[in-house]
Amino acid sequence: MNGTIRASTERAYRALVDAVVERMPLLATEHWGEQVRFGPDRTVELTMTYLDLPDDGARAAWQPLFDWAERQRGTYATEVFMASGAYRGYWDAAHWLEIYPNMIRLDTRPARQHPGDFWWTDHEPDTGRFVNSYQSRWLPLRLVRDRPREASEALYRASLHHEFGIHINKALAGAAPDAVARDRTTSVNPAVFDALGLVICASLQPFTHPGVPGHEPDLAAAGAGARAVTEAMSVIRSVSPGSGSYVNETDYFESDWQYSSWGDHYPRLAEIKRRYDPDNVFTVHHGVGTG
């Protein structure tokens, strides 16, 4: 499922955030993944995947939202595409070219190794980018489910500062029982089991790299972007105390990073680190045992 719902006014956008949050607890299952995005352009973007659901079942999760927006055509503009097929077609360029060609970009370089190689359109900027700021936060399911007005108010206010996405597949509230049982034996922050998704807010300069003539980063823009991300995430943090962050996609300057990344697991992880790597041979910024 890919598309957008755009509001014509600020008041309409505030109501749209309410309507989206109302649907979001239904995504806390093993069937849904990818993102719901909010931004200061008064747009909600849906880039969702669903697995092992009939089309009718998948659409049912969102149809009340689409119908609500359609009844107010003029106030809202909805462009959403939904399609499904056998999973084996997910990495097949011919499949996407047939049902939704804008989803991919074919590799047309003369030196390509394999005809049909492609990349996702959304990932084109990943080839080179300067990161102004990159922050994440686990969004508790109970906040969205039990206090939807508070959740939607926070998401709305955060989006006025900077766009962000809620990555449903990176959290485990509603996950399959065998997956939850397996993952509870790992070092992952326990907050993941109570989270609807991972909020990621990032300011990036695409196709940019220090030292490449004509593609150097704009440092003034970097500072402004970093401040906007911090302002947005401060709102998210205010309604998710203690929920922490995801260690592989987090703020380089994360405060209280030990608890934020690993929660109550950190003391045991530090003990294991001291036992098996007393000389700190294996190290990474804000890794276990680095501070």
C-alpha atoms as a PDB file:
ATOM      1  CA  MET A   1       0.000   0.000   0.000  1.00  0.00           C
ATOM      2  CA  ASN A   2       1.484   3.287  -1.073  1.00  0.00           C
ATOM      3  CA  GLY A   3       0.061   6.788  -1.218  1.00  0.00           C
ATOM      4  CA  THR A   4      -0.879   9.978   0.562  1.00  0.00           C
ATOM      5  CA  ILE A   5      -3.748  11.824   2.184  1.00  0.00           C
ATOM      6  CA  ARG A   6      -3.259  15.573   2.015  1.00  0.00           C
ATOM      7  CA  ALA A   7      -5.232  18.116   4.055  1.00  0.00           C
ATOM      8  CA  SER A   8      -6.087  21.533   2.642  1.00  0.00           C
ATOM      9  CA  THR A   9      -5.893  23.436   5.946  1.00  0.00           C
ATOM     10  CA  GLU A  10      -4.113  23.175   9.273  1.00  0.00           C
ATOM     11  CA  ARG A  11      -7.366  22.431  11.070  1.00  0.00           C
ATOM     12  CA  ALA A  12      -8.156  19.660   8.597  1.00  0.00           C
ATOM     13  CA  TYR A  13      -4.669  18.210   9.049  1.00  0.00           C
ATOM     14  CA  ARG A  14      -5.153  18.092  12.816  1.00  0.00           C
ATOM     15  CA  ALA A  15      -8.373  16.101  12.279  1.00  0.00           C
ATOM     16  CA  LEU A  16      -6.560  13.824   9.803  1.00  0.00           C
ATOM     17  CA  VAL A  17      -3.928  12.936  12.400  1.00  0.00           C
ATOM     18  CA  ASP A  18      -6.750  11.998  14.795  1.00  0.00           C
ATOM     19  CA  ALA A  19      -8.333   9.780  12.151  1.00  0.00           C
ATOM     20  CA  VAL A  20      -5.054   8.030  11.346  1.00  0.00           C
ATOM     21  CA  VAL A  21      -4.208   7.397  14.993  1.00  0.00           C
ATOM     22  CA  GLU A  22      -7.641   5.815  15.428  1.00  0.00           C
ATOM     23  CA  ARG A  23      -6.656   3.145  12.864  1.00  0.00           C
ATOM     24  CA  MET A  24      -3.132   2.526  14.096  1.00  0.00           C
ATOM     25  CA  PRO A  25      -3.779   0.021  16.937  1.00  0.00           C
ATOM     26  CA  LEU A  26      -5.094  -2.354  14.246  1.00  0.00           C
ATOM     27  CA  LEU A  27      -1.553  -2.533  12.871  1.00  0.00           C
ATOM     28  CA  ALA A  28      -0.192  -4.204  16.023  1.00  0.00           C
ATOM     29  CA  THR A  29      -0.283  -7.686  14.496  1.00  0.00           C
ATOM     30  CA  GLU A  30       2.171  -9.949  12.744  1.00  0.00           C
ATOM     31  CA  HIS A  31       0.686  -8.947   9.384  1.00  0.00           C
ATOM     32  CA  TRP A  32       1.679  -5.282   8.980  1.00  0.00           C
ATOM     33  CA  GLY A  33       4.995  -3.579   8.332  1.00  0.00           C
ATOM     34  CA  GLU A  34       6.692  -0.449   7.067  1.00  0.00           C
ATOM     35  CA  GLN A  35       5.696   3.141   7.671  1.00  0.00           C
ATOM     36  CA  VAL A  36       3.100   5.774   8.413  1.00  0.00           C
ATOM     37  CA  ARG A  37       4.676   9.180   7.856  1.00  0.00           C
ATOM     38  CA  PHE A  38       3.630  12.654   9.053  1.00  0.00           C
ATOM     39  CA  GLY A  39       5.039  15.953   7.835  1.00  0.00           C
ATOM     40  CA  PRO A  40       4.746  19.733   8.034  1.00  0.00           C
ATOM     41  CA  ASP A  41       3.224  19.833   4.534  1.00  0.00           C
ATOM     42  CA  ARG A  42      -0.075  18.586   6.071  1.00  0.00           C
ATOM     43  CA  THR A  43       0.350  15.173   4.461  1.00  0.00           C
ATOM     44  CA  VAL A  44       0.118  11.660   5.859  1.00  0.00           C
ATOM     45  CA  GLU A  45       2.021   9.156   3.737  1.00  0.00           C
ATOM     46  CA  LEU A  46       1.259   5.429   3.895  1.00  0.00           C
ATOM     47  CA  THR A  47       4.021   3.128   2.687  1.00  0.00           C
ATOM     48  CA  MET A  48       2.780  -0.104   4.227  1.00  0.00           C
ATOM     49  CA  THR A  49       3.305  -3.780   3.505  1.00  0.00           C
ATOM     50  CA  TYR A  50       1.014  -6.591   4.570  1.00  0.00           C
ATOM     51  CA  LEU A  51       1.650 -10.318   4.671  1.00  0.00           C
ATOM     52  CA  ASP A  52      -0.708 -13.316   4.916  1.00  0.00           C
ATOM     53  CA  LEU A  53      -3.812 -11.145   4.750  1.00  0.00           C
ATOM     54  CA  PRO A  54      -6.502 -11.267   2.069  1.00  0.00           C
ATOM     55  CA  ASP A  55      -6.890  -8.002   0.180  1.00  0.00           C
ATOM     56  CA  ASP A  56     -10.275  -7.395   1.774  1.00  0.00           C
ATOM     57  CA  GLY A  57      -8.816  -7.896   5.225  1.00  0.00           C
ATOM     58  CA  ALA A  58      -5.954  -5.527   4.538  1.00  0.00           C
ATOM     59  CA  ARG A  59      -8.223  -2.866   3.094  1.00  0.00           C
ATOM     60  CA  ALA A  60     -10.632  -3.180   6.023  1.00  0.00           C
ATOM     61  CA  ALA A  61      -7.972  -1.784   8.348  1.00  0.00           C
ATOM     62  CA  TRP A  62      -7.855   1.438   6.342  1.00  0.00           C
ATOM     63  CA  GLN A  63     -11.165   1.732   4.465  1.00  0.00           C
ATOM     64  CA  PRO A  64     -12.948   3.724   7.208  1.00  0.00           C
ATOM     65  CA  LEU A  65     -10.174   6.313   6.936  1.00  0.00           C
ATOM     66  CA  PHE A  66     -10.413   6.439   3.139  1.00  0.00           C
ATOM     67  CA  ASP A  67     -14.208   6.733   3.302  1.00  0.00           C
ATOM     68  CA  TRP A  68     -13.972   9.518   5.875  1.00  0.00           C
ATOM     69  CA  ALA A  69     -11.594  11.477   3.646  1.00  0.00           C
ATOM     70  CA  GLU A  70     -13.684  10.811   0.535  1.00  0.00           C
ATOM     71  CA  ARG A  71     -16.787  12.243   2.221  1.00  0.00           C
ATOM     72  CA  GLN A  72     -14.836  15.478   2.608  1.00  0.00           C
ATOM     73  CA  ARG A  73     -13.382  15.670  -0.870  1.00  0.00           C
ATOM     74  CA  GLY A  74     -11.939  19.119  -1.363  1.00  0.00           C
ATOM     75  CA  THR A  75     -10.772  19.219   2.227  1.00  0.00           C
ATOM     76  CA  TYR A  76      -8.718  16.057   1.679  1.00  0.00           C
ATOM     77  CA  ALA A  77      -7.020  14.669  -1.429  1.00  0.00           C
ATOM     78  CA  THR A  78      -6.415  10.917  -1.286  1.00  0.00           C
ATOM     79  CA  GLU A  79      -4.104   9.003  -3.611  1.00  0.00           C
ATOM     80  CA  VAL A  80      -3.510   5.481  -2.297  1.00  0.00           C
ATOM     81  CA  PHE A  81      -2.613   2.378  -4.281  1.00  0.00           C
ATOM     82  CA  MET A  82      -3.047  -1.161  -2.922  1.00  0.00           C
ATOM     83  CA  ALA A  83      -1.966  -4.387  -4.604  1.00  0.00           C
ATOM     84  CA  SER A  84      -0.906  -7.852  -3.546  1.00  0.00           C
ATOM     85  CA  GLY A  85       0.536 -11.021  -5.006  1.00  0.00           C
ATOM     86  CA  ALA A  86       2.662 -14.021  -4.260  1.00  0.00           C
ATOM     87  CA  TYR A  87       5.615 -13.111  -2.062  1.00  0.00           C
ATOM     88  CA  ARG A  88       8.022 -14.570  -4.606  1.00  0.00           C
ATOM     89  CA  GLY A  89       7.214 -11.557  -6.793  1.00  0.00           C
ATOM     90  CA  TYR A  90       8.460  -9.064  -4.222  1.00  0.00           C
ATOM     91  CA  TRP A  91      11.977  -8.979  -5.706  1.00  0.00           C
ATOM     92  CA  ASP A  92      10.853  -9.480  -9.304  1.00  0.00           C
ATOM     93  CA  ALA A  93      11.181  -6.344 -11.432  1.00  0.00           C
ATOM     94  CA  ALA A  94       8.610  -7.608 -13.939  1.00  0.00           C
ATOM     95  CA  HIS A  95       6.047  -7.911 -11.133  1.00  0.00           C
ATOM     96  CA  TRP A  96       6.437  -4.254 -10.125  1.00  0.00           C
ATOM     97  CA  LEU A  97       6.594  -2.964 -13.667  1.00  0.00           C
ATOM     98  CA  GLU A  98       3.238  -4.605 -14.258  1.00  0.00           C
ATOM     99  CA  ILE A  99       1.353  -3.488 -11.147  1.00  0.00           C
ATOM    100  CA  TYR A 100       3.114  -0.329  -9.892  1.00  0.00           C
ATOM    101  CA  PRO A 101       6.128   0.783 -11.961  1.00  0.00           C
ATOM    102  CA  ASN A 102       6.797   3.882  -9.835  1.00  0.00           C
ATOM    103  CA  MET A 103       7.787   1.598  -6.973  1.00  0.00           C
ATOM    104  CA  ILE A 104      11.169   0.722  -8.498  1.00  0.00           C
ATOM    105  CA  ARG A 105      13.996   2.089 -10.622  1.00  0.00           C
ATOM    106  CA  LEU A 106      15.631  -0.315 -13.064  1.00  0.00           C
ATOM    107  CA  ASP A 107      19.407  -0.391 -13.254  1.00  0.00           C
ATOM    108  CA  THR A 108      19.968   0.763 -16.840  1.00  0.00           C
ATOM    109  CA  ARG A 109      23.718   1.307 -16.642  1.00  0.00           C
ATOM    110  CA  PRO A 110      25.596  -0.307 -19.545  1.00  0.00           C
ATOM    111  CA  ALA A 111      27.864  -2.186 -17.142  1.00  0.00           C
ATOM    112  CA  ARG A 112      25.045  -3.754 -15.121  1.00  0.00           C
ATOM    113  CA  GLN A 113      25.639  -7.388 -14.268  1.00  0.00           C
ATOM    114  CA  HIS A 114      22.097  -8.760 -14.192  1.00  0.00           C
ATOM    115  CA  PRO A 115      19.188  -7.646 -16.376  1.00  0.00           C
ATOM    116  CA  GLY A 116      16.237  -6.798 -14.174  1.00  0.00           C
ATOM    117  CA  ASP A 117      18.280  -5.457 -11.285  1.00  0.00           C
ATOM    118  CA  PHE A 118      16.449  -2.627  -9.556  1.00  0.00           C
ATOM    119  CA  TRP A 119      16.262  -0.553  -6.402  1.00  0.00           C
ATOM    120  CA  TRP A 120      13.307   0.927  -4.546  1.00  0.00           C
ATOM    121  CA  THR A 121      12.478   4.449  -5.674  1.00  0.00           C
ATOM    122  CA  ASP A 122      12.362   5.697  -2.089  1.00  0.00           C
ATOM    123  CA  HIS A 123      15.929   4.504  -1.549  1.00  0.00           C
ATOM    124  CA  GLU A 124      17.576   6.456  -4.354  1.00  0.00           C
ATOM    125  CA  PRO A 125      19.009   9.088  -1.967  1.00  0.00           C
ATOM    126  CA  ASP A 126      20.689   6.335   0.086  1.00  0.00           C
ATOM    127  CA  THR A 127      23.557   6.164  -2.426  1.00  0.00           C
ATOM    128  CA  GLY A 128      25.159   9.153  -0.746  1.00  0.00           C
ATOM    129  CA  ARG A 129      23.878  11.482   1.933  1.00  0.00           C
ATOM    130  CA  PHE A 130      25.029  13.716   4.747  1.00  0.00           C
ATOM    131  CA  VAL A 131      23.230  13.081   8.025  1.00  0.00           C
ATOM    132  CA  ASN A 132      22.331  16.314   9.794  1.00  0.00           C
ATOM    133  CA  SER A 133      20.542  14.464  12.601  1.00  0.00           C
ATOM    134  CA  TYR A 134      19.048  11.004  13.067  1.00  0.00           C
ATOM    135  CA  GLN A 135      16.932  10.133  16.108  1.00  0.00           C
ATOM    136  CA  SER A 136      14.532   7.357  17.048  1.00  0.00           C
ATOM    137  CA  ARG A 137      12.079   6.476  19.806  1.00  0.00           C
ATOM    138  CA  TRP A 138       9.915   3.463  20.593  1.00  0.00           C
ATOM    139  CA  LEU A 139       6.246   4.534  20.464  1.00  0.00           C
ATOM    140  CA  PRO A 140       4.269   2.616  23.119  1.00  0.00           C
ATOM    141  CA  LEU A 141       1.174   0.831  21.860  1.00  0.00           C
ATOM    142  CA  ARG A 142      -0.671   1.701  25.073  1.00  0.00           C
ATOM    143  CA  LEU A 143      -0.250   5.404  24.313  1.00  0.00           C
ATOM    144  CA  VAL A 144      -1.896   5.097  20.893  1.00  0.00           C
ATOM    145  CA  ARG A 145      -4.528   2.584  22.031  1.00  0.00           C
ATOM    146  CA  ASP A 146      -5.496   3.952  25.449  1.00  0.00           C
ATOM    147  CA  ARG A 147      -4.766   7.691  25.073  1.00  0.00           C
ATOM    148  CA  PRO A 148      -5.360   8.395  21.376  1.00  0.00           C
ATOM    149  CA  ARG A 149      -6.018  12.103  21.845  1.00  0.00           C
ATOM    150  CA  GLU A 150      -2.742  12.577  23.662  1.00  0.00           C
ATOM    151  CA  ALA A 151      -0.932  10.494  21.037  1.00  0.00           C
ATOM    152  CA  SER A 152      -2.415  12.360  18.090  1.00  0.00           C
ATOM    153  CA  GLU A 153      -1.723  15.741  19.674  1.00  0.00           C
ATOM    154  CA  ALA A 154       1.941  14.782  20.135  1.00  0.00           C
ATOM    155  CA  LEU A 155       2.283  13.410  16.606  1.00  0.00           C
ATOM    156  CA  TYR A 156       0.636  16.526  15.203  1.00  0.00           C
ATOM    157  CA  ARG A 157       2.848  18.940  17.150  1.00  0.00           C
ATOM    158  CA  ALA A 158       6.000  16.969  16.336  1.00  0.00           C
ATOM    159  CA  SER A 159       5.196  16.970  12.624  1.00  0.00           C
ATOM    160  CA  LEU A 160       5.038  20.768  12.575  1.00  0.00           C
ATOM    161  CA  HIS A 161       8.789  20.800  13.253  1.00  0.00           C
ATOM    162  CA  HIS A 162       9.972  18.012  10.954  1.00  0.00           C
ATOM    163  CA  GLU A 163       8.642  14.990   9.088  1.00  0.00           C
ATOM    164  CA  PHE A 164       9.018  11.561  10.684  1.00  0.00           C
ATOM    165  CA  GLY A 165       7.921   7.987  10.121  1.00  0.00           C
ATOM    166  CA  ILE A 166       6.501   5.353  12.453  1.00  0.00           C
ATOM    167  CA  HIS A 167       8.103   2.058  11.391  1.00  0.00           C
ATOM    168  CA  ILE A 168       5.568  -0.592  12.360  1.00  0.00           C
ATOM    169  CA  ASN A 169       7.722  -3.603  11.479  1.00  0.00           C
ATOM    170  CA  LYS A 170      10.520  -2.583  13.843  1.00  0.00           C
ATOM    171  CA  ALA A 171       8.430  -3.089  16.987  1.00  0.00           C
ATOM    172  CA  LEU A 172       6.957  -6.253  18.452  1.00  0.00           C
ATOM    173  CA  ALA A 173       3.649  -5.369  20.134  1.00  0.00           C
ATOM    174  CA  GLY A 174       1.216  -7.828  18.574  1.00  0.00           C
ATOM    175  CA  ALA A 175       3.947  -9.948  17.004  1.00  0.00           C
ATOM    176  CA  ALA A 176       3.615 -13.715  16.630  1.00  0.00           C
ATOM    177  CA  PRO A 177       4.064 -15.486  20.004  1.00  0.00           C
ATOM    178  CA  ASP A 178       6.987 -17.596  18.785  1.00  0.00           C
ATOM    179  CA  ALA A 179       8.804 -14.466  17.582  1.00  0.00           C
ATOM    180  CA  VAL A 180       8.238 -12.722  20.916  1.00  0.00           C
ATOM    181  CA  ALA A 181       9.429 -15.771  22.871  1.00  0.00           C
ATOM    182  CA  ARG A 182      12.575 -16.007  20.740  1.00  0.00           C
ATOM    183  CA  ASP A 183      13.409 -12.327  20.922  1.00  0.00           C
ATOM    184  CA  ARG A 184      12.963 -12.136  24.683  1.00  0.00           C
ATOM    185  CA  THR A 185      16.107 -14.273  24.940  1.00  0.00           C
ATOM    186  CA  THR A 186      18.173 -11.570  23.190  1.00  0.00           C
ATOM    187  CA  SER A 187      19.700  -8.292  24.357  1.00  0.00           C
ATOM    188  CA  VAL A 188      17.091  -6.120  22.591  1.00  0.00           C
ATOM    189  CA  ASN A 189      15.600  -3.313  24.669  1.00  0.00           C
ATOM    190  CA  PRO A 190      12.456  -4.759  26.333  1.00  0.00           C
ATOM    191  CA  ALA A 191      10.582  -1.603  25.289  1.00  0.00           C
ATOM    192  CA  VAL A 192      10.310  -3.116  21.799  1.00  0.00           C
ATOM    193  CA  PHE A 193       7.739  -5.655  23.043  1.00  0.00           C
ATOM    194  CA  ASP A 194       5.345  -2.912  24.123  1.00  0.00           C
ATOM    195  CA  ALA A 195       5.878  -0.652  21.117  1.00  0.00           C
ATOM    196  CA  LEU A 196       3.578  -0.139  18.153  1.00  0.00           C
ATOM    197  CA  GLY A 197       6.474   1.148  16.079  1.00  0.00           C
ATOM    198  CA  LEU A 198       9.772   2.964  15.993  1.00  0.00           C
ATOM    199  CA  VAL A 199       9.544   6.695  15.361  1.00  0.00           C
ATOM    200  CA  ILE A 200      12.449   7.767  13.169  1.00  0.00           C
ATOM    201  CA  CYS A 201      13.024  11.447  12.532  1.00  0.00           C
ATOM    202  CA  ALA A 202      16.000  12.336  10.363  1.00  0.00           C
ATOM    203  CA  SER A 203      17.327  15.378   8.558  1.00  0.00           C
ATOM    204  CA  LEU A 204      19.423  14.378   5.551  1.00  0.00           C
ATOM    205  CA  GLN A 205      21.148  16.003   2.594  1.00  0.00           C
ATOM    206  CA  PRO A 206      20.868  13.520  -0.288  1.00  0.00           C
ATOM    207  CA  PHE A 207      23.524  13.005  -2.968  1.00  0.00           C
ATOM    208  CA  THR A 208      25.983  14.821  -0.728  1.00  0.00           C
ATOM    209  CA  HIS A 209      29.394  13.873   0.601  1.00  0.00           C
ATOM    210  CA  PRO A 210      32.202  15.883   2.213  1.00  0.00           C
ATOM    211  CA  GLY A 211      35.169  16.295  -0.117  1.00  0.00           C
ATOM    212  CA  VAL A 212      33.273  15.625  -3.348  1.00  0.00           C
ATOM    213  CA  PRO A 213      33.424  18.844  -5.415  1.00  0.00           C
ATOM    214  CA  GLY A 214      29.964  20.209  -6.127  1.00  0.00           C
ATOM    215  CA  HIS A 215      28.374  17.900  -3.564  1.00  0.00           C
ATOM    216  CA  GLU A 216      29.683  19.256  -0.263  1.00  0.00           C
ATOM    217  CA  PRO A 217      27.126  19.497   2.570  1.00  0.00           C
ATOM    218  CA  ASP A 218      25.556  22.800   3.522  1.00  0.00           C
ATOM    219  CA  LEU A 219      26.570  23.151   7.162  1.00  0.00           C
ATOM    220  CA  ALA A 220      24.119  25.963   7.892  1.00  0.00           C
ATOM    221  CA  ALA A 221      21.279  23.794   6.592  1.00  0.00           C
ATOM    222  CA  ALA A 222      22.671  20.903   8.624  1.00  0.00           C
ATOM    223  CA  GLY A 223      22.406  22.900  11.825  1.00  0.00           C
ATOM    224  CA  ALA A 224      18.870  24.024  11.061  1.00  0.00           C
ATOM    225  CA  GLY A 225      17.837  20.472  10.207  1.00  0.00           C
ATOM    226  CA  ALA A 226      19.367  19.074  13.386  1.00  0.00           C
ATOM    227  CA  ARG A 227      17.515  21.621  15.497  1.00  0.00           C
ATOM    228  CA  ALA A 228      14.207  20.816  13.798  1.00  0.00           C
ATOM    229  CA  VAL A 229      14.680  17.086  14.435  1.00  0.00           C
ATOM    230  CA  THR A 230      15.472  17.704  18.091  1.00  0.00           C
ATOM    231  CA  GLU A 231      12.366  19.879  18.476  1.00  0.00           C
ATOM    232  CA  ALA A 232      10.161  17.225  16.868  1.00  0.00           C
ATOM    233  CA  MET A 233      11.589  14.384  18.902  1.00  0.00           C
ATOM    234  CA  SER A 234      11.342  16.364  22.137  1.00  0.00           C
ATOM    235  CA  VAL A 235       7.573  16.239  21.671  1.00  0.00           C
ATOM    236  CA  ILE A 236       7.652  12.473  21.046  1.00  0.00           C
ATOM    237  CA  ARG A 237       9.893  11.929  24.070  1.00  0.00           C
ATOM    238  CA  SER A 238       7.500  13.890  26.280  1.00  0.00           C
ATOM    239  CA  VAL A 239       4.741  11.290  25.772  1.00  0.00           C
ATOM    240  CA  SER A 240       7.010   8.218  25.851  1.00  0.00           C
ATOM    241  CA  PRO A 241       9.080   8.491  29.035  1.00  0.00           C
ATOM    242  CA  GLY A 242      11.499   5.612  29.478  1.00  0.00           C
ATOM    243  CA  SER A 243      10.708   3.957  26.159  1.00  0.00           C
ATOM    244  CA  GLY A 244      14.203   4.288  24.759  1.00  0.00           C
ATOM    245  CA  SER A 245      15.626   4.076  21.277  1.00  0.00           C
ATOM    246  CA  TYR A 246      16.909   1.500  18.768  1.00  0.00           C
ATOM    247  CA  VAL A 247      20.669   1.164  19.031  1.00  0.00           C
ATOM    248  CA  ASN A 248      21.278   0.727  15.283  1.00  0.00           C
ATOM    249  CA  GLU A 249      19.175   3.756  14.305  1.00  0.00           C
ATOM    250  CA  THR A 250      19.649   6.287  17.046  1.00  0.00           C
ATOM    251  CA  ASP A 251      21.033   9.709  17.874  1.00  0.00           C
ATOM    252  CA  TYR A 252      24.846   9.852  17.897  1.00  0.00           C
ATOM    253  CA  PHE A 253      24.459  12.126  20.930  1.00  0.00           C
ATOM    254  CA  GLU A 254      21.796  10.042  22.698  1.00  0.00           C
ATOM    255  CA  SER A 255      21.684  10.882  26.393  1.00  0.00           C
ATOM    256  CA  ASP A 256      21.476   8.050  28.920  1.00  0.00           C
ATOM    257  CA  TRP A 257      22.343   5.804  25.973  1.00  0.00           C
ATOM    258  CA  GLN A 258      22.932   2.722  28.130  1.00  0.00           C
ATOM    259  CA  TYR A 259      19.319   2.560  29.275  1.00  0.00           C
ATOM    260  CA  SER A 260      17.955   4.035  26.065  1.00  0.00           C
ATOM    261  CA  SER A 261      19.490   1.286  23.934  1.00  0.00           C
ATOM    262  CA  TRP A 262      19.219  -1.761  26.193  1.00  0.00           C
ATOM    263  CA  GLY A 263      16.904  -0.888  29.067  1.00  0.00           C
ATOM    264  CA  ASP A 264      17.234  -3.110  32.135  1.00  0.00           C
ATOM    265  CA  HIS A 265      19.502  -5.506  30.202  1.00  0.00           C
ATOM    266  CA  TYR A 266      22.472  -3.144  30.311  1.00  0.00           C
ATOM    267  CA  PRO A 267      24.024  -4.168  33.683  1.00  0.00           C
ATOM    268  CA  ARG A 268      24.112  -7.827  32.638  1.00  0.00           C
ATOM    269  CA  LEU A 269      25.469  -6.950  29.201  1.00  0.00           C
ATOM    270  CA  ALA A 270      28.210  -4.865  30.821  1.00  0.00           C
ATOM    271  CA  GLU A 271      29.124  -7.793  33.053  1.00  0.00           C
ATOM    272  CA  ILE A 272      29.337 -10.118  30.031  1.00  0.00           C
ATOM    273  CA  LYS A 273      31.479  -7.554  28.222  1.00  0.00           C
ATOM    274  CA  ARG A 274      33.931  -7.336  31.121  1.00  0.00           C
ATOM    275  CA  ARG A 275      34.171 -11.111  31.337  1.00  0.00           C
ATOM    276  CA  TYR A 276      34.774 -11.907  27.686  1.00  0.00           C
ATOM    277  CA  ASP A 277      36.382  -8.713  26.366  1.00  0.00           C
ATOM    278  CA  PRO A 278      38.211  -7.120  29.297  1.00  0.00           C
ATOM    279  CA  ASP A 279      40.572  -5.240  26.961  1.00  0.00           C
ATOM    280  CA  ASN A 280      37.688  -3.776  24.938  1.00  0.00           C
ATOM    281  CA  VAL A 281      38.960  -5.146  21.643  1.00  0.00           C
ATOM    282  CA  PHE A 282      35.488  -4.904  20.137  1.00  0.00           C
ATOM    283  CA  THR A 283      34.244  -1.363  20.454  1.00  0.00           C
ATOM    284  CA  VAL A 284      31.743   0.964  18.826  1.00  0.00           C
ATOM    285  CA  HIS A 285      30.417   4.405  19.666  1.00  0.00           C
ATOM    286  CA  HIS A 286      28.042   4.031  22.619  1.00  0.00           C
ATOM    287  CA  GLY A 287      28.509   0.274  22.632  1.00  0.00           C
ATOM    288  CA  VAL A 288      28.268  -1.842  25.754  1.00  0.00           C
ATOM    289  CA  GLY A 289      31.166  -1.045  28.058  1.00  0.00           C
ATOM    290  CA  THR A 290      32.315   2.130  26.305  1.00  0.00           C
ATOM    291  CA  GLY A 291      31.328   4.516  29.074  1.00  0.00           C
END
